[in-house]
Amino acid sequence: MYKLIAIDLDGTLLNSSGEVSQKNKQAVKEAVKKGIIVVLASRKNDYFSKNIGKRNWSKSIYNLWKWYTNI
């Protein structure tokens, strides 16, 4: 049994619109219910999100955190 799952954000957990699909939401919920620690990971840093990114990464990550803490 897994104890921890680390999930990359861009292109893995988040789709091209910066949203979590229903399939991914369900998979994360099932992992949490089984007692598995889910870690969200990204190589994006603050400089990228403010100066280079095409989306507002800070907002996307905040919305993802809000969703995750309500599982």
Foldseek 3Di string as FASTA:
>chain_A
DAQEDEFEQPPTQADPVLDGDPVSLVVLVVCVVVNHHYHYDYPDDPCCQVPPDPDNVVVSVVVVVVSNVVD
